[in-house]
């Protein structure tokens, strides 16, 4: 997912890809961790995490049974 994606864009994408009705989207901007290779330090890239809630008792089959 793009770091610049908005909640509305995420909801529309999930609705079209998985054919469900989205009721709520929560987003979290995650900072990249520092990683070292010997004496050289760098950072992993920042990324965005989205938690999507679907309406009713519908589920997304791709993730069904994982939790």
PDB file of N, CA and C in Angstrom:
ATOM      1  N   UNK A   1       0.844  -1.169   0.000  1.00  0.00           N
ATOM      2  CA  UNK A   1       0.000   0.000   0.000  1.00  0.00           C
ATOM      3  C   UNK A   1       0.889   1.231   0.000  1.00  0.00           C
ATOM      4  N   UNK A   2       0.471   2.238  -0.708  1.00  0.00           N
ATOM      5  CA  UNK A   2       1.223   3.480  -0.778  1.00  0.00           C
ATOM      6  C   UNK A   2       1.094   4.252   0.531  1.00  0.00           C
ATOM      7  N   UNK A   3       2.180   4.925   0.924  1.00  0.00           N
ATOM      8  CA  UNK A   3       2.144   5.716   2.153  1.00  0.00           C
ATOM      9  C   UNK A   3       1.198   6.900   2.026  1.00  0.00           C
ATOM     10  N   UNK A   4       0.910   7.327   0.803  1.00  0.00           N
ATOM     11  CA  UNK A   4       0.063   8.497   0.597  1.00  0.00           C
ATOM     12  C   UNK A   4      -1.405   8.138   0.432  1.00  0.00           C
ATOM     13  N   UNK A   5      -1.755   6.855   0.507  1.00  0.00           N
ATOM     14  CA  UNK A   5      -3.149   6.433   0.335  1.00  0.00           C
ATOM     15  C   UNK A   5      -3.996   6.928   1.505  1.00  0.00           C
ATOM     16  N   UNK A   6      -5.196   7.423   1.181  1.00  0.00           N
ATOM     17  CA  UNK A   6      -6.111   7.896   2.213  1.00  0.00           C
ATOM     18  C   UNK A   6      -7.053   6.771   2.620  1.00  0.00           C
ATOM     19  N   UNK A   7      -7.793   6.998   3.706  1.00  0.00           N
ATOM     20  CA  UNK A   7      -8.740   5.990   4.173  1.00  0.00           C
ATOM     21  C   UNK A   7      -9.826   5.716   3.135  1.00  0.00           C
ATOM     22  N   UNK A   8     -10.268   6.749   2.444  1.00  0.00           N
ATOM     23  CA  UNK A   8     -11.306   6.593   1.421  1.00  0.00           C
ATOM     24  C   UNK A   8     -10.775   5.747   0.265  1.00  0.00           C
ATOM     25  N   UNK A   9      -9.549   6.012  -0.167  1.00  0.00           N
ATOM     26  CA  UNK A   9      -8.948   5.236  -1.253  1.00  0.00           C
ATOM     27  C   UNK A   9      -8.758   3.776  -0.859  1.00  0.00           C
ATOM     28  N   UNK A  10      -8.357   3.542   0.382  1.00  0.00           N
ATOM     29  CA  UNK A  10      -8.173   2.172   0.865  1.00  0.00           C
ATOM     30  C   UNK A  10      -9.508   1.443   0.894  1.00  0.00           C
ATOM     31  N   UNK A  11     -10.553   2.109   1.389  1.00  0.00           N
ATOM     32  CA  UNK A  11     -11.878   1.489   1.456  1.00  0.00           C
ATOM     33  C   UNK A  11     -12.396   1.128   0.066  1.00  0.00           C
ATOM     34  N   UNK A  12     -12.246   2.033  -0.897  1.00  0.00           N
ATOM     35  CA  UNK A  12     -12.700   1.752  -2.265  1.00  0.00           C
ATOM     36  C   UNK A  12     -11.940   0.582  -2.869  1.00  0.00           C
ATOM     37  N   UNK A  13     -10.633   0.523  -2.633  1.00  0.00           N
ATOM     38  CA  UNK A  13      -9.822  -0.565  -3.179  1.00  0.00           C
ATOM     39  C   UNK A  13     -10.232  -1.910  -2.599  1.00  0.00           C
ATOM     40  N   UNK A  14     -10.475  -1.968  -1.299  1.00  0.00           N
ATOM     41  CA  UNK A  14     -10.880  -3.225  -0.657  1.00  0.00           C
ATOM     42  C   UNK A  14     -12.263  -3.647  -1.147  1.00  0.00           C
ATOM     43  N   UNK A  15     -13.175  -2.687  -1.288  1.00  0.00           N
ATOM     44  CA  UNK A  15     -14.523  -3.012  -1.761  1.00  0.00           C
ATOM     45  C   UNK A  15     -14.495  -3.580  -3.170  1.00  0.00           C
ATOM     46  N   UNK A  16     -13.676  -3.034  -4.058  1.00  0.00           N
ATOM     47  CA  UNK A  16     -13.645  -3.534  -5.429  1.00  0.00           C
ATOM     48  C   UNK A  16     -12.879  -4.851  -5.536  1.00  0.00           C
ATOM     49  N   UNK A  17     -11.809  -5.008  -4.770  1.00  0.00           N
ATOM     50  CA  UNK A  17     -11.009  -6.225  -4.865  1.00  0.00           C
ATOM     51  C   UNK A  17     -11.694  -7.439  -4.244  1.00  0.00           C
ATOM     52  N   UNK A  18     -12.333  -7.261  -3.090  1.00  0.00           N
ATOM     53  CA  UNK A  18     -12.866  -8.392  -2.345  1.00  0.00           C
ATOM     54  C   UNK A  18     -14.394  -8.461  -2.343  1.00  0.00           C
ATOM     55  N   UNK A  19     -15.074  -7.528  -2.993  1.00  0.00           N
ATOM     56  CA  UNK A  19     -16.533  -7.519  -3.112  1.00  0.00           C
ATOM     57  C   UNK A  19     -17.217  -7.571  -1.748  1.00  0.00           C
ATOM     58  N   UNK A  20     -16.816  -6.668  -0.847  1.00  0.00           N
ATOM     59  CA  UNK A  20     -17.421  -6.522   0.478  1.00  0.00           C
ATOM     60  C   UNK A  20     -17.717  -5.050   0.707  1.00  0.00           C
ATOM     61  N   UNK A  21     -18.543  -4.750   1.702  1.00  0.00           N
ATOM     62  CA  UNK A  21     -18.860  -3.378   2.085  1.00  0.00           C
ATOM     63  C   UNK A  21     -18.024  -3.018   3.304  1.00  0.00           C
ATOM     64  N   UNK A  22     -17.201  -1.985   3.179  1.00  0.00           N
ATOM     65  CA  UNK A  22     -16.312  -1.563   4.261  1.00  0.00           C
ATOM     66  C   UNK A  22     -17.045  -0.588   5.164  1.00  0.00           C
ATOM     67  N   UNK A  23     -16.982  -0.832   6.486  1.00  0.00           N
ATOM     68  CA  UNK A  23     -17.632   0.070   7.420  1.00  0.00           C
ATOM     69  C   UNK A  23     -16.645   1.008   8.108  1.00  0.00           C
ATOM     70  N   UNK A  24     -15.384   0.578   8.258  1.00  0.00           N
ATOM     71  CA  UNK A  24     -14.425   1.425   8.965  1.00  0.00           C
ATOM     72  C   UNK A  24     -13.010   1.081   8.513  1.00  0.00           C
ATOM     73  N   UNK A  25     -12.159   2.108   8.442  1.00  0.00           N
ATOM     74  CA  UNK A  25     -10.745   1.926   8.110  1.00  0.00           C
ATOM     75  C   UNK A  25      -9.914   2.692   9.125  1.00  0.00           C
ATOM     76  N   UNK A  26      -8.997   1.999   9.779  1.00  0.00           N
ATOM     77  CA  UNK A  26      -8.031   2.638  10.672  1.00  0.00           C
ATOM     78  C   UNK A  26      -6.661   2.496  10.036  1.00  0.00           C
ATOM     79  N   UNK A  27      -5.865   3.569  10.074  1.00  0.00           N
ATOM     80  CA  UNK A  27      -4.532   3.522   9.479  1.00  0.00           C
ATOM     81  C   UNK A  27      -3.478   3.852  10.523  1.00  0.00           C
ATOM     82  N   UNK A  28      -2.304   3.274  10.327  1.00  0.00           N
ATOM     83  CA  UNK A  28      -1.176   3.490  11.213  1.00  0.00           C
ATOM     84  C   UNK A  28       0.043   3.728  10.334  1.00  0.00           C
ATOM     85  N   UNK A  29       0.754   4.812  10.567  1.00  0.00           N
ATOM     86  CA  UNK A  29       2.012   5.056   9.867  1.00  0.00           C
ATOM     87  C   UNK A  29       3.138   4.483  10.715  1.00  0.00           C
ATOM     88  N   UNK A  30       3.858   3.515  10.157  1.00  0.00           N
ATOM     89  CA  UNK A  30       4.894   2.795  10.885  1.00  0.00           C
ATOM     90  C   UNK A  30       6.253   3.302  10.424  1.00  0.00           C
ATOM     91  N   UNK A  31       7.089   3.697  11.372  1.00  0.00           N
ATOM     92  CA  UNK A  31       8.440   4.145  11.066  1.00  0.00           C
ATOM     93  C   UNK A  31       9.328   2.932  10.799  1.00  0.00           C
ATOM     94  N   UNK A  32      10.231   3.067   9.854  1.00  0.00           N
ATOM     95  CA  UNK A  32      11.167   1.993   9.553  1.00  0.00           C
ATOM     96  C   UNK A  32      12.192   1.826  10.661  1.00  0.00           C
ATOM     97  N   UNK A  33      12.589   0.588  10.919  1.00  0.00           N
ATOM     98  CA  UNK A  33      13.558   0.302  11.965  1.00  0.00           C
ATOM     99  C   UNK A  33      14.982   0.588  11.480  1.00  0.00           C
ATOM    100  N   UNK A  34      15.850   0.889  12.423  1.00  0.00           N
ATOM    101  CA  UNK A  34      17.255   1.061  12.086  1.00  0.00           C
ATOM    102  C   UNK A  34      17.897  -0.313  11.947  1.00  0.00           C
ATOM    103  N   UNK A  35      18.641  -0.505  10.890  1.00  0.00           N
ATOM    104  CA  UNK A  35      19.362  -1.754  10.664  1.00  0.00           C
ATOM    105  C   UNK A  35      20.832  -1.439  10.471  1.00  0.00           C
ATOM    106  N   UNK A  36      21.677  -2.319  10.962  1.00  0.00           N
ATOM    107  CA  UNK A  36      23.115  -2.114  10.876  1.00  0.00           C
ATOM    108  C   UNK A  36      23.759  -3.255  10.107  1.00  0.00           C
ATOM    109  N   UNK A  37      24.783  -2.912   9.337  1.00  0.00           N
ATOM    110  CA  UNK A  37      25.649  -3.891   8.686  1.00  0.00           C
ATOM    111  C   UNK A  37      27.061  -3.537   9.122  1.00  0.00           C
ATOM    112  N   UNK A  38      27.501  -4.150  10.198  1.00  0.00           N
ATOM    113  CA  UNK A  38      28.802  -3.788  10.755  1.00  0.00           C
ATOM    114  C   UNK A  38      28.750  -2.402  11.358  1.00  0.00           C
ATOM    115  N   UNK A  39      29.602  -1.542  10.889  1.00  0.00           N
ATOM    116  CA  UNK A  39      29.618  -0.178  11.435  1.00  0.00           C
ATOM    117  C   UNK A  39      28.712   0.767  10.657  1.00  0.00           C
ATOM    118  N   UNK A  40      28.110   0.302   9.588  1.00  0.00           N
ATOM    119  CA  UNK A  40      27.245   1.151   8.764  1.00  0.00           C
ATOM    120  C   UNK A  40      25.793   0.982   9.206  1.00  0.00           C
ATOM    121  N   UNK A  41      25.115   2.098   9.369  1.00  0.00           N
ATOM    122  CA  UNK A  41      23.717   2.068   9.813  1.00  0.00           C
ATOM    123  C   UNK A  41      22.821   2.616   8.717  1.00  0.00           C
ATOM    124  N   UNK A  42      21.631   2.061   8.622  1.00  0.00           N
ATOM    125  CA  UNK A  42      20.635   2.541   7.681  1.00  0.00           C
ATOM    126  C   UNK A  42      19.256   2.273   8.251  1.00  0.00           C
ATOM    127  N   UNK A  43      18.235   2.666   7.518  1.00  0.00           N
ATOM    128  CA  UNK A  43      16.870   2.478   7.979  1.00  0.00           C
ATOM    129  C   UNK A  43      16.074   1.699   6.953  1.00  0.00           C
ATOM    130  N   UNK A  44      15.190   0.842   7.437  1.00  0.00           N
ATOM    131  CA  UNK A  44      14.211   0.218   6.559  1.00  0.00           C
ATOM    132  C   UNK A  44      13.186   1.286   6.199  1.00  0.00           C
ATOM    133  N   UNK A  45      12.473   1.106   5.089  1.00  0.00           N
ATOM    134  CA  UNK A  45      11.533   2.157   4.683  1.00  0.00           C
ATOM    135  C   UNK A  45      10.319   2.265   5.626  1.00  0.00           C
ATOM    136  N   UNK A  46       9.763   3.477   5.721  1.00  0.00           N
ATOM    137  CA  UNK A  46       8.507   3.686   6.447  1.00  0.00           C
ATOM    138  C   UNK A  46       7.385   3.065   5.637  1.00  0.00           C
ATOM    139  N   UNK A  47       6.310   2.611   6.319  1.00  0.00           N
ATOM    140  CA  UNK A  47       5.185   2.014   5.619  1.00  0.00           C
ATOM    141  C   UNK A  47       3.898   2.287   6.372  1.00  0.00           C
ATOM    142  N   UNK A  48       2.786   2.065   5.702  1.00  0.00           N
ATOM    143  CA  UNK A  48       1.475   2.325   6.285  1.00  0.00           C
ATOM    144  C   UNK A  48       0.718   1.019   6.431  1.00  0.00           C
ATOM    145  N   UNK A  49       0.090   0.844   7.584  1.00  0.00           N
ATOM    146  CA  UNK A  49      -0.698  -0.342   7.889  1.00  0.00           C
ATOM    147  C   UNK A  49      -2.164   0.067   7.957  1.00  0.00           C
ATOM    148  N   UNK A  50      -3.057  -0.727   7.388  1.00  0.00           N
ATOM    149  CA  UNK A  50      -4.484  -0.420   7.424  1.00  0.00           C
ATOM    150  C   UNK A  50      -5.238  -1.582   8.049  1.00  0.00           C
ATOM    151  N   UNK A  51      -6.137  -1.258   8.981  1.00  0.00           N
ATOM    152  CA  UNK A  51      -7.031  -2.244   9.587  1.00  0.00           C
ATOM    153  C   UNK A  51      -8.423  -1.927   9.071  1.00  0.00           C
ATOM    154  N   UNK A  52      -8.992  -2.855   8.307  1.00  0.00           N
ATOM    155  CA  UNK A  52     -10.268  -2.635   7.635  1.00  0.00           C
ATOM    156  C   UNK A  52     -11.335  -3.487   8.300  1.00  0.00           C
ATOM    157  N   UNK A  53     -12.455  -2.856   8.670  1.00  0.00           N
ATOM    158  CA  UNK A  53     -13.597  -3.556   9.241  1.00  0.00           C
ATOM    159  C   UNK A  53     -14.692  -3.614   8.191  1.00  0.00           C
ATOM    160  N   UNK A  54     -15.214  -4.832   7.936  1.00  0.00           N
ATOM    161  CA  UNK A  54     -16.270  -4.990   6.942  1.00  0.00           C
ATOM    162  C   UNK A  54     -17.614  -5.088   7.651  1.00  0.00           C
ATOM    163  N   UNK A  55     -18.685  -4.717   6.938  1.00  0.00           N
ATOM    164  CA  UNK A  55     -20.023  -4.693   7.524  1.00  0.00           C
ATOM    165  C   UNK A  55     -20.586  -6.097   7.693  1.00  0.00           C
ATOM    166  N   UNK A  56     -21.451  -6.231   8.689  1.00  0.00           N
ATOM    167  CA  UNK A  56     -22.168  -7.474   8.907  1.00  0.00           C
ATOM    168  C   UNK A  56     -21.249  -8.615   9.294  1.00  0.00           C
ATOM    169  N   UNK A  57     -21.673  -9.822   8.935  1.00  0.00           N
ATOM    170  CA  UNK A  57     -20.887 -11.007   9.272  1.00  0.00           C
ATOM    171  C   UNK A  57     -20.041 -11.473   8.094  1.00  0.00           C
ATOM    172  N   UNK A  58     -19.811 -10.590   7.129  1.00  0.00           N
ATOM    173  CA  UNK A  58     -18.974 -10.922   5.977  1.00  0.00           C
ATOM    174  C   UNK A  58     -17.514 -10.984   6.394  1.00  0.00           C
ATOM    175  N   UNK A  59     -16.751 -11.801   5.684  1.00  0.00           N
ATOM    176  CA  UNK A  59     -15.312 -11.875   5.898  1.00  0.00           C
ATOM    177  C   UNK A  59     -14.622 -11.860   4.546  1.00  0.00           C
ATOM    178  N   UNK A  60     -13.341 -11.601   4.574  1.00  0.00           N
ATOM    179  CA  UNK A  60     -12.521 -11.699   3.379  1.00  0.00           C
ATOM    180  C   UNK A  60     -11.874 -13.077   3.421  1.00  0.00           C
ATOM    181  N   UNK A  61     -12.189 -13.926   2.446  1.00  0.00           N
ATOM    182  CA  UNK A  61     -11.758 -15.319   2.495  1.00  0.00           C
ATOM    183  C   UNK A  61     -10.247 -15.477   2.488  1.00  0.00           C
ATOM    184  N   UNK A  62      -9.550 -14.535   1.911  1.00  0.00           N
ATOM    185  CA  UNK A  62      -8.092 -14.601   1.864  1.00  0.00           C
ATOM    186  C   UNK A  62      -7.499 -14.657   3.265  1.00  0.00           C
ATOM    187  N   UNK A  63      -8.119 -13.925   4.212  1.00  0.00           N
ATOM    188  CA  UNK A  63      -7.615 -13.864   5.584  1.00  0.00           C
ATOM    189  C   UNK A  63      -8.429 -14.719   6.531  1.00  0.00           C
ATOM    190  N   UNK A  64      -9.471 -15.356   6.088  1.00  0.00           N
ATOM    191  CA  UNK A  64     -10.349 -16.128   6.941  1.00  0.00           C
ATOM    192  C   UNK A  64      -9.604 -17.341   7.503  1.00  0.00           C
ATOM    193  N   UNK A  65      -9.683 -17.542   8.797  1.00  0.00           N
ATOM    194  CA  UNK A  65      -9.040 -18.685   9.424  1.00  0.00           C
ATOM    195  C   UNK A  65      -7.615 -18.441   9.868  1.00  0.00           C
ATOM    196  N   UNK A  66      -7.074 -17.256   9.606  1.00  0.00           N
ATOM    197  CA  UNK A  66      -5.703 -16.975  10.032  1.00  0.00           C
ATOM    198  C   UNK A  66      -5.635 -16.658  11.514  1.00  0.00           C
ATOM    199  N   UNK A  67      -6.699 -16.099  12.070  1.00  0.00           N
ATOM    200  CA  UNK A  67      -6.663 -15.646  13.462  1.00  0.00           C
ATOM    201  C   UNK A  67      -7.631 -16.425  14.308  1.00  0.00           C
TER     202      UNK A  67
END
